[in-house]
Amino acid sequence: MAPGPLALVQAFVNSVNVEFGPDHFATVEGLATWLGRNGLDGPRVEPGELDRRDAVILREALRALLRENNGGPPDPQARRTVEHIARDCPLVVGFDGKDGGLGLRPALTDVRGALASVLASVAGAVADGSWQRLKACGEHRCEWIFYDRSRNRGSRWCSMAVCGTRAKMRTYRETKRIHGETG
């Protein structure tokens, strides 16, 4: 689990298990349940179909950026997508009611405010340098979001036992196939 506000970003992007499902944002009701479970609900937070679609689009754009954190190629479209959605999710500088700290908080109290909370967490992580530690698993079938706690920030997989082993076996088989054909 990622520390602090990055845990929200991790939970948001992991709202779908790419390999096995389910997708918590597949329905408006699922999105509403997820928002409630993550403390982003309120009297004005009543998602509709367009909100659900925007949540999915933002989630997948963030996943693409997190692939970059794990050595993937830059994704200019993902950056444009995040900027596009952020235009309708304003943030303001304000004091946190919990600890009194100054930071970014949503200007709205509806679903746009909930998405702004996710974006504020991203902005805070970029500012404090922790963003680079949040990564999409390097196993293409998985893409689970994990927090890299290694000293050199060199972790590639969410789980060495599962995804790391898959990747190493695939490399082994490919090497064996190539050498078998040419040797």
Protein backbone atom coordinates (compact mmCIF):
# COMPACT_ATOMS: atom_id res chain seq x y z
CA MET A 1 0.00 0.00 0.00
CA ALA A 2 1.28 3.43 -0.92
CA PRO A 3 1.80 5.92 1.90
CA GLY A 4 -0.36 8.97 2.59
CA PRO A 5 -2.40 10.54 -0.19
CA LEU A 6 -0.81 8.25 -2.81
CA ALA A 7 -2.91 5.43 -1.34
CA LEU A 8 -5.96 7.16 -2.83
CA VAL A 9 -4.36 7.28 -6.28
CA GLN A 10 -3.34 3.63 -5.97
CA ALA A 11 -6.87 2.60 -4.96
CA PHE A 12 -8.37 4.70 -7.76
CA VAL A 13 -6.26 3.12 -10.51
CA ASN A 14 -6.60 -0.35 -8.95
CA SER A 15 -10.39 -0.02 -9.06
CA VAL A 16 -10.16 -2.59 -11.84
CA ASN A 17 -8.13 -5.77 -11.81
CA VAL A 18 -6.96 -5.72 -15.44
CA GLU A 19 -6.29 -9.44 -15.58
CA PHE A 20 -9.25 -10.91 -13.70
CA GLY A 21 -11.77 -8.14 -12.98
CA PRO A 22 -13.96 -6.82 -11.51
CA ASP A 23 -14.16 -3.21 -12.62
CA HIS A 24 -15.67 -1.16 -9.82
CA PHE A 25 -16.34 1.65 -12.30
CA ALA A 26 -18.29 -0.56 -14.71
CA THR A 27 -21.54 0.93 -13.43
CA VAL A 28 -22.62 4.23 -11.90
CA GLU A 29 -23.60 2.32 -8.75
CA GLY A 30 -20.16 0.73 -8.58
CA LEU A 31 -18.50 4.14 -8.85
CA ALA A 32 -20.76 5.52 -6.11
CA THR A 33 -19.88 2.58 -3.85
CA TRP A 34 -16.16 3.04 -4.53
CA LEU A 35 -16.37 6.77 -3.76
CA GLY A 36 -18.13 6.02 -0.47
CA ARG A 37 -15.62 3.34 0.52
CA ASN A 38 -12.78 5.79 -0.08
CA GLY A 39 -14.28 8.73 1.79
CA LEU A 40 -15.11 10.73 -1.33
CA ASP A 41 -18.87 10.68 -0.96
CA GLY A 42 -21.08 13.42 0.38
CA PRO A 43 -24.57 14.81 -0.02
CA ARG A 44 -23.78 16.30 -3.45
CA VAL A 45 -21.79 13.33 -4.76
CA GLU A 46 -24.26 11.57 -7.04
CA PRO A 47 -22.40 10.20 -10.03
CA GLY A 48 -24.03 9.88 -13.41
CA GLU A 49 -22.99 8.04 -16.54
CA LEU A 50 -20.76 10.90 -17.79
CA ASP A 51 -19.00 11.01 -14.40
CA ARG A 52 -18.46 7.25 -14.57
CA ARG A 53 -16.94 7.53 -18.05
CA ASP A 54 -14.67 10.38 -16.96
CA ALA A 55 -13.54 8.35 -13.93
CA VAL A 56 -12.62 5.43 -16.21
CA ILE A 57 -10.83 7.73 -18.67
CA LEU A 58 -8.88 9.41 -15.85
CA ARG A 59 -8.05 6.05 -14.30
CA GLU A 60 -6.60 4.69 -17.54
CA ALA A 61 -4.67 7.91 -18.25
CA LEU A 62 -3.12 7.70 -14.78
CA ARG A 63 -2.29 4.01 -15.40
CA ALA A 64 -0.45 5.05 -18.58
CA LEU A 65 1.55 7.64 -16.60
CA LEU A 66 2.35 4.98 -14.00
CA ARG A 67 3.66 2.72 -16.79
CA GLU A 68 6.11 5.53 -17.54
CA ASN A 69 7.26 5.37 -13.90
CA ASN A 70 8.21 1.76 -14.58
CA GLY A 71 10.26 2.47 -17.70
CA GLY A 72 7.44 2.60 -20.22
CA PRO A 73 7.46 5.07 -23.10
CA PRO A 74 6.04 8.57 -22.54
CA ASP A 75 2.33 8.83 -23.32
CA PRO A 76 1.49 12.37 -24.50
CA GLN A 77 -2.19 11.41 -24.95
CA ALA A 78 -2.42 10.39 -21.28
CA ARG A 79 -0.99 13.75 -20.25
CA ARG A 80 -3.50 15.60 -22.42
CA THR A 81 -6.32 13.48 -20.99
CA VAL A 82 -5.37 14.26 -17.40
CA GLU A 83 -5.13 17.97 -18.22
CA HIS A 84 -8.51 17.86 -20.02
CA ILE A 85 -10.32 16.25 -17.08
CA ALA A 86 -8.50 18.47 -14.57
CA ARG A 87 -9.99 21.57 -16.25
CA ASP A 88 -13.37 20.59 -14.82
CA CYS A 89 -11.98 19.56 -11.42
CA PRO A 90 -10.68 22.79 -9.90
CA LEU A 91 -8.37 22.79 -6.92
CA VAL A 92 -7.87 25.59 -4.43
CA VAL A 93 -5.27 26.22 -1.78
CA GLY A 94 -6.72 25.68 1.65
CA PHE A 95 -6.17 24.31 5.12
CA ASP A 96 -6.94 20.67 5.81
CA GLY A 97 -9.56 20.26 8.51
CA LYS A 98 -7.79 17.16 9.91
CA ASP A 99 -4.28 18.41 10.67
CA GLY A 100 -4.50 22.05 9.65
CA GLY A 101 -1.88 21.64 6.91
CA LEU A 102 -1.95 23.90 3.89
CA GLY A 103 -2.39 22.20 0.54
CA LEU A 104 -4.56 21.67 -2.51
CA ARG A 105 -8.16 20.68 -1.99
CA PRO A 106 -11.18 20.37 -4.29
CA ALA A 107 -13.13 23.54 -5.00
CA LEU A 108 -16.30 21.49 -5.62
CA THR A 109 -18.19 19.07 -3.40
CA ASP A 110 -19.67 16.88 -6.13
CA VAL A 111 -18.17 14.08 -8.24
CA ARG A 112 -15.82 16.60 -9.86
CA GLY A 113 -14.54 17.33 -6.35
CA ALA A 114 -13.93 13.62 -5.80
CA LEU A 115 -11.89 13.42 -9.02
CA ALA A 116 -10.09 16.62 -7.96
CA SER A 117 -9.09 14.88 -4.71
CA VAL A 118 -7.35 12.19 -6.76
CA LEU A 119 -5.65 14.83 -8.89
CA ALA A 120 -4.58 16.79 -5.78
CA SER A 121 -2.94 13.61 -4.47
CA VAL A 122 -1.08 13.22 -7.76
CA ALA A 123 0.06 16.85 -7.67
CA GLY A 124 1.24 16.49 -4.08
CA ALA A 125 3.17 13.30 -4.89
CA VAL A 126 4.85 14.95 -7.88
CA ALA A 127 5.82 17.89 -5.65
CA ASP A 128 7.26 15.73 -2.85
CA GLY A 129 9.02 13.26 -5.19
CA SER A 130 7.01 10.17 -4.21
CA TRP A 131 5.15 9.98 -7.55
CA GLN A 132 8.04 8.14 -9.23
CA ARG A 133 7.68 5.30 -6.71
CA LEU A 134 4.09 4.56 -7.71
CA LYS A 135 4.25 2.22 -10.72
CA ALA A 136 2.17 -0.02 -12.95
CA CYS A 137 3.36 -3.62 -12.79
CA GLY A 138 5.70 -4.42 -15.67
CA GLU A 139 3.80 -7.64 -16.42
CA HIS A 140 1.56 -6.61 -19.33
CA ARG A 141 -1.32 -8.89 -18.25
CA CYS A 142 -1.35 -7.44 -14.74
CA GLU A 143 -0.64 -3.69 -14.62
CA TRP A 144 -1.56 -3.63 -10.90
CA ILE A 145 -0.40 -0.41 -9.27
CA PHE A 146 2.20 -0.84 -6.55
CA TYR A 147 4.45 1.37 -4.46
CA ASP A 148 8.15 0.70 -5.03
CA ARG A 149 9.83 0.69 -1.61
CA SER A 150 13.21 -0.51 -2.92
CA ARG A 151 16.18 1.71 -2.17
CA ASN A 152 17.09 2.19 -5.83
CA ARG A 153 13.47 2.40 -7.05
CA GLY A 154 14.19 -0.58 -9.29
CA SER A 155 11.18 -2.83 -8.63
CA ARG A 156 9.41 -3.82 -11.83
CA TRP A 157 6.60 -6.10 -10.68
CA CYS A 158 3.83 -5.89 -8.12
CA SER A 159 4.84 -9.36 -6.95
CA MET A 160 8.11 -11.09 -7.67
CA ALA A 161 6.49 -14.44 -6.84
CA VAL A 162 3.76 -14.08 -9.47
CA CYS A 163 4.44 -11.43 -12.09
CA GLY A 164 8.24 -11.53 -11.79
CA THR A 165 8.21 -15.29 -12.25
CA ARG A 166 5.92 -15.01 -15.28
CA ALA A 167 8.20 -12.47 -16.93
CA LYS A 168 11.33 -14.49 -16.22
CA MET A 169 9.74 -17.69 -17.55
CA ARG A 170 8.65 -15.88 -20.71
CA THR A 171 12.21 -14.58 -21.21
CA TYR A 172 13.62 -18.06 -20.57
CA ARG A 173 11.25 -19.68 -23.10
CA GLU A 174 11.98 -17.01 -25.70
CA THR A 175 15.74 -17.42 -25.24
CA LYS A 176 15.42 -21.19 -25.46
CA ARG A 177 13.28 -20.91 -28.63
CA ILE A 178 15.77 -18.55 -30.29
CA HIS A 179 18.81 -20.66 -29.39
CA GLY A 180 16.98 -23.85 -30.36
CA GLU A 181 16.31 -22.45 -33.84
CA THR A 182 19.80 -21.07 -34.43
CA GLY A 183 21.90 -23.58 -32.45
